[in-house]
PDB file of all heavy atoms in Angstrom:
ATOM      1  N   LEU A   1     177.065 218.756   3.522  1.00  0.00           N
ATOM      2  CA  LEU A   1     178.415 219.064   3.080  1.00  0.00           C
ATOM      3  C   LEU A   1     178.390 219.598   1.640  1.00  0.00           C
ATOM      4  O   LEU A   1     177.811 218.972   0.749  1.00  0.00           O
ATOM      5  CB  LEU A   1     179.281 217.806   3.169  1.00  0.00           C
ATOM      6  CG  LEU A   1     180.774 217.971   2.866  1.00  0.00           C
ATOM      7  CD1 LEU A   1     181.435 218.885   3.888  1.00  0.00           C
ATOM      8  CD2 LEU A   1     181.472 216.612   2.854  1.00  0.00           C
ATOM      9  N   TYR A   2     179.006 220.747   1.438  1.00  0.00           N
ATOM     10  CA  TYR A   2     179.026 221.421   0.129  1.00  0.00           C
ATOM     11  C   TYR A   2     177.622 221.606  -0.448  1.00  0.00           C
ATOM     12  O   TYR A   2     177.412 221.593  -1.666  1.00  0.00           O
ATOM     13  CB  TYR A   2     179.897 220.645  -0.870  1.00  0.00           C
ATOM     14  CG  TYR A   2     181.308 220.416  -0.385  1.00  0.00           C
ATOM     15  CD1 TYR A   2     181.807 219.129  -0.200  1.00  0.00           C
ATOM     16  CD2 TYR A   2     182.135 221.483  -0.093  1.00  0.00           C
ATOM     17  CE1 TYR A   2     183.091 218.913   0.266  1.00  0.00           C
ATOM     18  CE2 TYR A   2     183.435 221.277   0.373  1.00  0.00           C
ATOM     19  CZ  TYR A   2     183.900 219.998   0.550  1.00  0.00           C
ATOM     20  OH  TYR A   2     185.184 219.783   1.021  1.00  0.00           O
ATOM     21  N   GLY A   3     176.647 221.749   0.445  1.00  0.00           N
ATOM     22  CA  GLY A   3     175.275 221.971   0.024  1.00  0.00           C
ATOM     23  C   GLY A   3     174.548 220.733  -0.466  1.00  0.00           C
ATOM     24  O   GLY A   3     173.420 220.837  -0.975  1.00  0.00           O
ATOM     25  N   LYS A   4     175.162 219.557  -0.306  1.00  0.00           N
ATOM     26  CA  LYS A   4     174.579 218.319  -0.802  1.00  0.00           C
ATOM     27  C   LYS A   4     173.997 217.487   0.345  1.00  0.00           C
ATOM     28  O   LYS A   4     174.415 217.636   1.493  1.00  0.00           O
ATOM     29  CB  LYS A   4     175.637 217.494  -1.549  1.00  0.00           C
ATOM     30  CG  LYS A   4     176.305 218.238  -2.707  1.00  0.00           C
ATOM     31  CD  LYS A   4     175.310 218.612  -3.791  1.00  0.00           C
ATOM     32  CE  LYS A   4     176.010 219.280  -4.972  1.00  0.00           C
ATOM     33  NZ  LYS A   4     175.040 219.679  -6.035  1.00  0.00           N
ATOM     34  N   PRO A   5     173.050 216.584   0.062  1.00  0.00           N
ATOM     35  CA  PRO A   5     172.490 215.721   1.115  1.00  0.00           C
ATOM     36  C   PRO A   5     173.576 214.937   1.839  1.00  0.00           C
ATOM     37  O   PRO A   5     174.423 214.300   1.205  1.00  0.00           O
ATOM     38  CB  PRO A   5     171.552 214.791   0.336  1.00  0.00           C
ATOM     39  CG  PRO A   5     171.166 215.572  -0.886  1.00  0.00           C
ATOM     40  CD  PRO A   5     172.395 216.356  -1.248  1.00  0.00           C
ATOM     41  N   THR A   6     173.539 214.978   3.170  1.00  0.00           N
ATOM     42  CA  THR A   6     174.600 214.376   3.984  1.00  0.00           C
ATOM     43  C   THR A   6     174.000 213.729   5.226  1.00  0.00           C
ATOM     44  O   THR A   6     173.136 214.301   5.879  1.00  0.00           O
ATOM     45  CB  THR A   6     175.624 215.445   4.423  1.00  0.00           C
ATOM     46  OG1 THR A   6     176.140 216.114   3.270  1.00  0.00           O
ATOM     47  CG2 THR A   6     176.772 214.824   5.203  1.00  0.00           C
ATOM     48  N   THR A   7     174.494 212.541   5.537  1.00  0.00           N
ATOM     49  CA  THR A   7     174.112 211.871   6.781  1.00  0.00           C
ATOM     50  C   THR A   7     175.328 211.761   7.682  1.00  0.00           C
ATOM     51  O   THR A   7     176.390 211.299   7.257  1.00  0.00           O
ATOM     52  CB  THR A   7     173.525 210.476   6.514  1.00  0.00           C
ATOM     53  OG1 THR A   7     172.291 210.622   5.802  1.00  0.00           O
ATOM     54  CG2 THR A   7     173.243 209.738   7.823  1.00  0.00           C
ATOM     55  N   ILE A   8     175.159 212.180   8.932  1.00  0.00           N
ATOM     56  CA  ILE A   8     176.255 212.187   9.900  1.00  0.00           C
ATOM     57  C   ILE A   8     175.902 211.251  11.057  1.00  0.00           C
ATOM     58  O   ILE A   8     174.829 211.352  11.649  1.00  0.00           O
ATOM     59  CB  ILE A   8     176.496 213.605  10.451  1.00  0.00           C
ATOM     60  CG1 ILE A   8     176.676 214.588   9.296  1.00  0.00           C
ATOM     61  CG2 ILE A   8     177.707 213.635  11.376  1.00  0.00           C
ATOM     62  CD1 ILE A   8     176.432 216.022   9.682  1.00  0.00           C
ATOM     63  N   ASN A   9     176.814 210.353  11.351  1.00  0.00           N
ATOM     64  CA  ASN A   9     176.660 209.474  12.506  1.00  0.00           C
ATOM     65  C   ASN A   9     177.950 209.449  13.313  1.00  0.00           C
ATOM     66  O   ASN A   9     179.033 209.758  12.796  1.00  0.00           O
ATOM     67  CB  ASN A   9     176.296 208.048  12.090  1.00  0.00           C
ATOM     68  CG  ASN A   9     174.808 207.868  11.840  1.00  0.00           C
ATOM     69  OD1 ASN A   9     174.398 207.587  10.730  1.00  0.00           O
ATOM     70  ND2 ASN A   9     173.990 207.995  12.862  1.00  0.00           N
ATOM     71  N   ASN A  10     177.813 209.014  14.540  1.00  0.00           N
ATOM     72  CA  ASN A  10     178.945 208.905  15.450  1.00  0.00           C
ATOM     73  C   ASN A  10     179.770 207.633  15.163  1.00  0.00           C
ATOM     74  O   ASN A  10     179.290 206.683  14.553  1.00  0.00           O
ATOM     75  CB  ASN A  10     178.389 208.920  16.876  1.00  0.00           C
ATOM     76  CG  ASN A  10     179.232 208.286  17.902  1.00  0.00           C
ATOM     77  OD1 ASN A  10     179.095 207.101  18.165  1.00  0.00           O
ATOM     78  ND2 ASN A  10     180.131 209.056  18.492  1.00  0.00           N
ATOM     79  N   THR A  11     180.995 207.619  15.628  1.00  0.00           N
ATOM     80  CA  THR A  11     181.914 206.494  15.433  1.00  0.00           C
ATOM     81  C   THR A  11     181.317 205.172  15.895  1.00  0.00           C
ATOM     82  O   THR A  11     181.329 204.167  15.167  1.00  0.00           O
ATOM     83  CB  THR A  11     183.230 206.749  16.199  1.00  0.00           C
ATOM     84  OG1 THR A  11     183.690 208.067  15.935  1.00  0.00           O
ATOM     85  CG2 THR A  11     184.290 205.727  15.828  1.00  0.00           C
ATOM     86  N   GLU A  12     180.805 205.150  17.108  1.00  0.00           N
ATOM     87  CA  GLU A  12     180.248 203.921  17.673  1.00  0.00           C
ATOM     88  C   GLU A  12     179.033 203.447  16.886  1.00  0.00           C
ATOM     89  O   GLU A  12     178.824 202.240  16.732  1.00  0.00           O
ATOM     90  CB  GLU A  12     179.886 204.132  19.145  1.00  0.00           C
ATOM     91  CG  GLU A  12     179.430 202.868  19.870  1.00  0.00           C
ATOM     92  CD  GLU A  12     179.036 203.120  21.315  1.00  0.00           C
ATOM     93  OE1 GLU A  12     179.344 204.202  21.851  1.00  0.00           O
ATOM     94  OE2 GLU A  12     178.402 202.231  21.916  1.00  0.00           O
ATOM     95  N   SER A  13     178.249 204.376  16.388  1.00  0.00           N
ATOM     96  CA  SER A  13     177.070 204.011  15.596  1.00  0.00           C
ATOM     97  C   SER A  13     177.479 203.254  14.336  1.00  0.00           C
ATOM     98  O   SER A  13     176.945 202.181  14.036  1.00  0.00           O
ATOM     99  CB  SER A  13     176.265 205.256  15.225  1.00  0.00           C
ATOM    100  OG  SER A  13     175.854 205.978  16.369  1.00  0.00           O
ATOM    101  N   PHE A  14     178.437 203.824  13.583  1.00  0.00           N
ATOM    102  CA  PHE A  14     178.907 203.152  12.371  1.00  0.00           C
ATOM    103  C   PHE A  14     179.555 201.808  12.689  1.00  0.00           C
ATOM    104  O   PHE A  14     179.358 200.827  11.970  1.00  0.00           O
ATOM    105  CB  PHE A  14     179.900 204.036  11.612  1.00  0.00           C
ATOM    106  CG  PHE A  14     179.262 205.109  10.782  1.00  0.00           C
ATOM    107  CD1 PHE A  14     179.590 206.448  10.970  1.00  0.00           C
ATOM    108  CD2 PHE A  14     178.349 204.788   9.792  1.00  0.00           C
ATOM    109  CE1 PHE A  14     179.012 207.441  10.198  1.00  0.00           C
ATOM    110  CE2 PHE A  14     177.759 205.781   9.003  1.00  0.00           C
ATOM    111  CZ  PHE A  14     178.104 207.110   9.204  1.00  0.00           C
ATOM    112  N   ALA A  15     180.332 201.763  13.767  1.00  0.00           N
ATOM    113  CA  ALA A  15     181.041 200.529  14.135  1.00  0.00           C
ATOM    114  C   ALA A  15     180.087 199.404  14.505  1.00  0.00           C
ATOM    115  O   ALA A  15     180.439 198.220  14.406  1.00  0.00           O
ATOM    116  CB  ALA A  15     182.005 200.798  15.284  1.00  0.00           C
ATOM    117  N   SER A  16     178.873 199.745  14.933  1.00  0.00           N
ATOM    118  CA  SER A  16     177.894 198.737  15.347  1.00  0.00           C
ATOM    119  C   SER A  16     177.165 198.113  14.156  1.00  0.00           C
ATOM    120  O   SER A  16     176.646 196.992  14.259  1.00  0.00           O
ATOM    121  CB  SER A  16     176.864 199.358  16.298  1.00  0.00           C
ATOM    122  OG  SER A  16     177.471 199.914  17.443  1.00  0.00           O
ATOM    123  N   VAL A  17     177.119 198.816  13.034  1.00  0.00           N
ATOM    124  CA  VAL A  17     176.300 198.394  11.892  1.00  0.00           C
ATOM    125  C   VAL A  17     176.697 197.036  11.312  1.00  0.00           C
ATOM    126  O   VAL A  17     175.829 196.178  11.099  1.00  0.00           O
ATOM    127  CB  VAL A  17     176.296 199.486  10.800  1.00  0.00           C
ATOM    128  CG1 VAL A  17     175.672 198.964   9.502  1.00  0.00           C
ATOM    129  CG2 VAL A  17     175.535 200.712  11.294  1.00  0.00           C
ATOM    130  N   PRO A  18     178.001 196.779  11.025  1.00  0.00           N
ATOM    131  CA  PRO A  18     178.345 195.476  10.435  1.00  0.00           C
ATOM    132  C   PRO A  18     177.926 194.286  11.294  1.00  0.00           C
ATOM    133  O   PRO A  18     177.428 193.278  10.769  1.00  0.00           O
ATOM    134  CB  PRO A  18     179.875 195.551  10.300  1.00  0.00           C
ATOM    135  CG  PRO A  18     180.181 197.009  10.222  1.00  0.00           C
ATOM    136  CD  PRO A  18     179.192 197.656  11.127  1.00  0.00           C
ATOM    137  N   GLU A  19     178.120 194.383  12.593  1.00  0.00           N
ATOM    138  CA  GLU A  19     177.766 193.279  13.479  1.00  0.00           C
ATOM    139  C   GLU A  19     176.252 193.083  13.533  1.00  0.00           C
ATOM    140  O   GLU A  19     175.768 191.948  13.608  1.00  0.00           O
ATOM    141  CB  GLU A  19     178.330 193.535  14.877  1.00  0.00           C
ATOM    142  CG  GLU A  19     178.436 192.295  15.753  1.00  0.00           C
ATOM    143  CD  GLU A  19     179.500 191.305  15.302  1.00  0.00           C
ATOM    144  OE1 GLU A  19     180.335 191.662  14.437  1.00  0.00           O
ATOM    145  OE2 GLU A  19     179.499 190.169  15.800  1.00  0.00           O
ATOM    146  N   ILE A  20     175.504 194.168  13.514  1.00  0.00           N
ATOM    147  CA  ILE A  20     174.046 194.081  13.493  1.00  0.00           C
ATOM    148  C   ILE A  20     173.567 193.319  12.252  1.00  0.00           C
ATOM    149  O   ILE A  20     172.746 192.407  12.335  1.00  0.00           O
ATOM    150  CB  ILE A  20     173.415 195.487  13.528  1.00  0.00           C
ATOM    151  CG1 ILE A  20     173.622 196.133  14.898  1.00  0.00           C
ATOM    152  CG2 ILE A  20     171.927 195.432  13.191  1.00  0.00           C
ATOM    153  CD1 ILE A  20     173.224 197.600  14.953  1.00  0.00           C
ATOM    154  N   LEU A  21     174.108 193.690  11.094  1.00  0.00           N
ATOM    155  CA  LEU A  21     173.681 193.063   9.851  1.00  0.00           C
ATOM    156  C   LEU A  21     174.198 191.641   9.726  1.00  0.00           C
ATOM    157  O   LEU A  21     173.588 190.797   9.062  1.00  0.00           O
ATOM    158  CB  LEU A  21     174.138 193.904   8.656  1.00  0.00           C
ATOM    159  CG  LEU A  21     173.557 195.323   8.598  1.00  0.00           C
ATOM    160  CD1 LEU A  21     174.120 196.087   7.417  1.00  0.00           C
ATOM    161  CD2 LEU A  21     172.031 195.290   8.537  1.00  0.00           C
ATOM    162  N   SER A  22     175.315 191.359  10.358  1.00  0.00           N
ATOM    163  CA  SER A  22     175.886 190.016  10.311  1.00  0.00           C
ATOM    164  C   SER A  22     175.101 189.038  11.176  1.00  0.00           C
ATOM    165  O   SER A  22     174.856 187.897  10.779  1.00  0.00           O
ATOM    166  CB  SER A  22     177.351 190.050  10.759  1.00  0.00           C
ATOM    167  OG  SER A  22     177.910 188.756  10.820  1.00  0.00           O
ATOM    168  N   ARG A  23     174.671 189.497  12.347  1.00  0.00           N
ATOM    169  CA  ARG A  23     174.021 188.603  13.309  1.00  0.00           C
ATOM    170  C   ARG A  23     172.518 188.853  13.460  1.00  0.00           C
ATOM    171  O   ARG A  23     171.840 188.118  14.172  1.00  0.00           O
ATOM    172  CB  ARG A  23     174.732 188.713  14.653  1.00  0.00           C
ATOM    173  CG  ARG A  23     176.231 188.431  14.548  1.00  0.00           C
ATOM    174  CD  ARG A  23     176.942 188.445  15.857  1.00  0.00           C
ATOM    175  NE  ARG A  23     176.576 187.324  16.706  1.00  0.00           N
ATOM    176  CZ  ARG A  23     177.198 186.999  17.840  1.00  0.00           C
ATOM    177  NH1 ARG A  23     178.250 187.708  18.235  1.00  0.00           N
ATOM    178  NH2 ARG A  23     176.808 185.980  18.565  1.00  0.00           N
ATOM    179  N   GLY A  24     172.042 189.902  12.825  1.00  0.00           N
ATOM    180  CA  GLY A  24     170.608 190.160  12.812  1.00  0.00           C
ATOM    181  C   GLY A  24     170.187 191.261  13.775  1.00  0.00           C
ATOM    182  O   GLY A  24     170.731 191.395  14.878  1.00  0.00           O
ATOM    183  N   GLY A  25     169.207 192.045  13.341  1.00  0.00           N
ATOM    184  CA  GLY A  25     168.715 193.142  14.157  1.00  0.00           C
ATOM    185  C   GLY A  25     168.126 192.681  15.471  1.00  0.00           C
ATOM    186  O   GLY A  25     168.305 193.314  16.508  1.00  0.00           O
ATOM    187  N   LYS A  26     167.412 191.546  15.433  1.00  0.00           N
ATOM    188  CA  LYS A  26     166.790 191.030  16.660  1.00  0.00           C
ATOM    189  C   LYS A  26     167.844 190.624  17.673  1.00  0.00           C
ATOM    190  O   LYS A  26     167.681 190.852  18.874  1.00  0.00           O
ATOM    191  CB  LYS A  26     165.882 189.848  16.353  1.00  0.00           C
ATOM    192  CG  LYS A  26     165.064 189.371  17.562  1.00  0.00           C
ATOM    193  CD  LYS A  26     164.136 188.243  17.202  1.00  0.00           C
ATOM    194  CE  LYS A  26     163.271 187.845  18.410  1.00  0.00           C
ATOM    195  NZ  LYS A  26     164.085 187.527  19.607  1.00  0.00           N
ATOM    196  N   TRP A  27     168.937 190.001  17.184  1.00  0.00           N
ATOM    197  CA  TRP A  27     170.034 189.620  18.089  1.00  0.00           C
ATOM    198  C   TRP A  27     170.549 190.847  18.833  1.00  0.00           C
ATOM    199  O   TRP A  27     170.743 190.796  20.051  1.00  0.00           O
ATOM    200  CB  TRP A  27     171.172 188.981  17.286  1.00  0.00           C
ATOM    201  CG  TRP A  27     172.444 188.843  18.079  1.00  0.00           C
ATOM    202  CD1 TRP A  27     172.750 187.843  18.959  1.00  0.00           C
ATOM    203  CD2 TRP A  27     173.553 189.739  18.071  1.00  0.00           C
ATOM    204  NE1 TRP A  27     173.990 188.081  19.499  1.00  0.00           N
ATOM    205  CE2 TRP A  27     174.510 189.237  18.975  1.00  0.00           C
ATOM    206  CE3 TRP A  27     173.842 190.924  17.391  1.00  0.00           C
ATOM    207  CZ2 TRP A  27     175.732 189.863  19.215  1.00  0.00           C
ATOM    208  CZ3 TRP A  27     175.061 191.552  17.635  1.00  0.00           C
ATOM    209  CH2 TRP A  27     175.986 191.029  18.537  1.00  0.00           C
ATOM    210  N   PHE A  28     170.769 191.941  18.102  1.00  0.00           N
ATOM    211  CA  PHE A  28     171.285 193.159  18.716  1.00  0.00           C
ATOM    212  C   PHE A  28     170.281 193.744  19.692  1.00  0.00           C
ATOM    213  O   PHE A  28     170.643 194.126  20.814  1.00  0.00           O
ATOM    214  CB  PHE A  28     171.619 194.178  17.623  1.00  0.00           C
ATOM    215  CG  PHE A  28     172.322 195.412  18.121  1.00  0.00           C
ATOM    216  CD1 PHE A  28     173.682 195.397  18.368  1.00  0.00           C
ATOM    217  CD2 PHE A  28     171.617 196.589  18.326  1.00  0.00           C
ATOM    218  CE1 PHE A  28     174.336 196.548  18.821  1.00  0.00           C
ATOM    219  CE2 PHE A  28     172.257 197.734  18.768  1.00  0.00           C
ATOM    220  CZ  PHE A  28     173.624 197.727  19.008  1.00  0.00           C
ATOM    221  N   ALA A  29     169.025 193.806  19.287  1.00  0.00           N
ATOM    222  CA  ALA A  29     167.981 194.359  20.151  1.00  0.00           C
ATOM    223  C   ALA A  29     167.880 193.588  21.456  1.00  0.00           C
ATOM    224  O   ALA A  29     167.713 194.172  22.538  1.00  0.00           O
ATOM    225  CB  ALA A  29     166.640 194.356  19.430  1.00  0.00           C
ATOM    226  N   ASP A  30     167.992 192.257  21.368  1.00  0.00           N
ATOM    227  CA  ASP A  30     167.856 191.403  22.546  1.00  0.00           C
ATOM    228  C   ASP A  30     169.021 191.534  23.519  1.00  0.00           C
ATOM    229  O   ASP A  30     168.906 191.140  24.677  1.00  0.00           O
ATOM    230  CB  ASP A  30     167.692 189.942  22.128  1.00  0.00           C
ATOM    231  CG  ASP A  30     166.343 189.667  21.466  1.00  0.00           C
ATOM    232  OD1 ASP A  30     165.429 190.519  21.596  1.00  0.00           O
ATOM    233  OD2 ASP A  30     166.200 188.605  20.816  1.00  0.00           O
TER     234      ASP A  30
END
């Protein structure tokens, strides 16, 4: 964006992040 470094993710991807970090990556993977 505007020639600057940018990371783009989907809605569901971002929405999953807080729960993953709250309950742990292994919990989510399992």
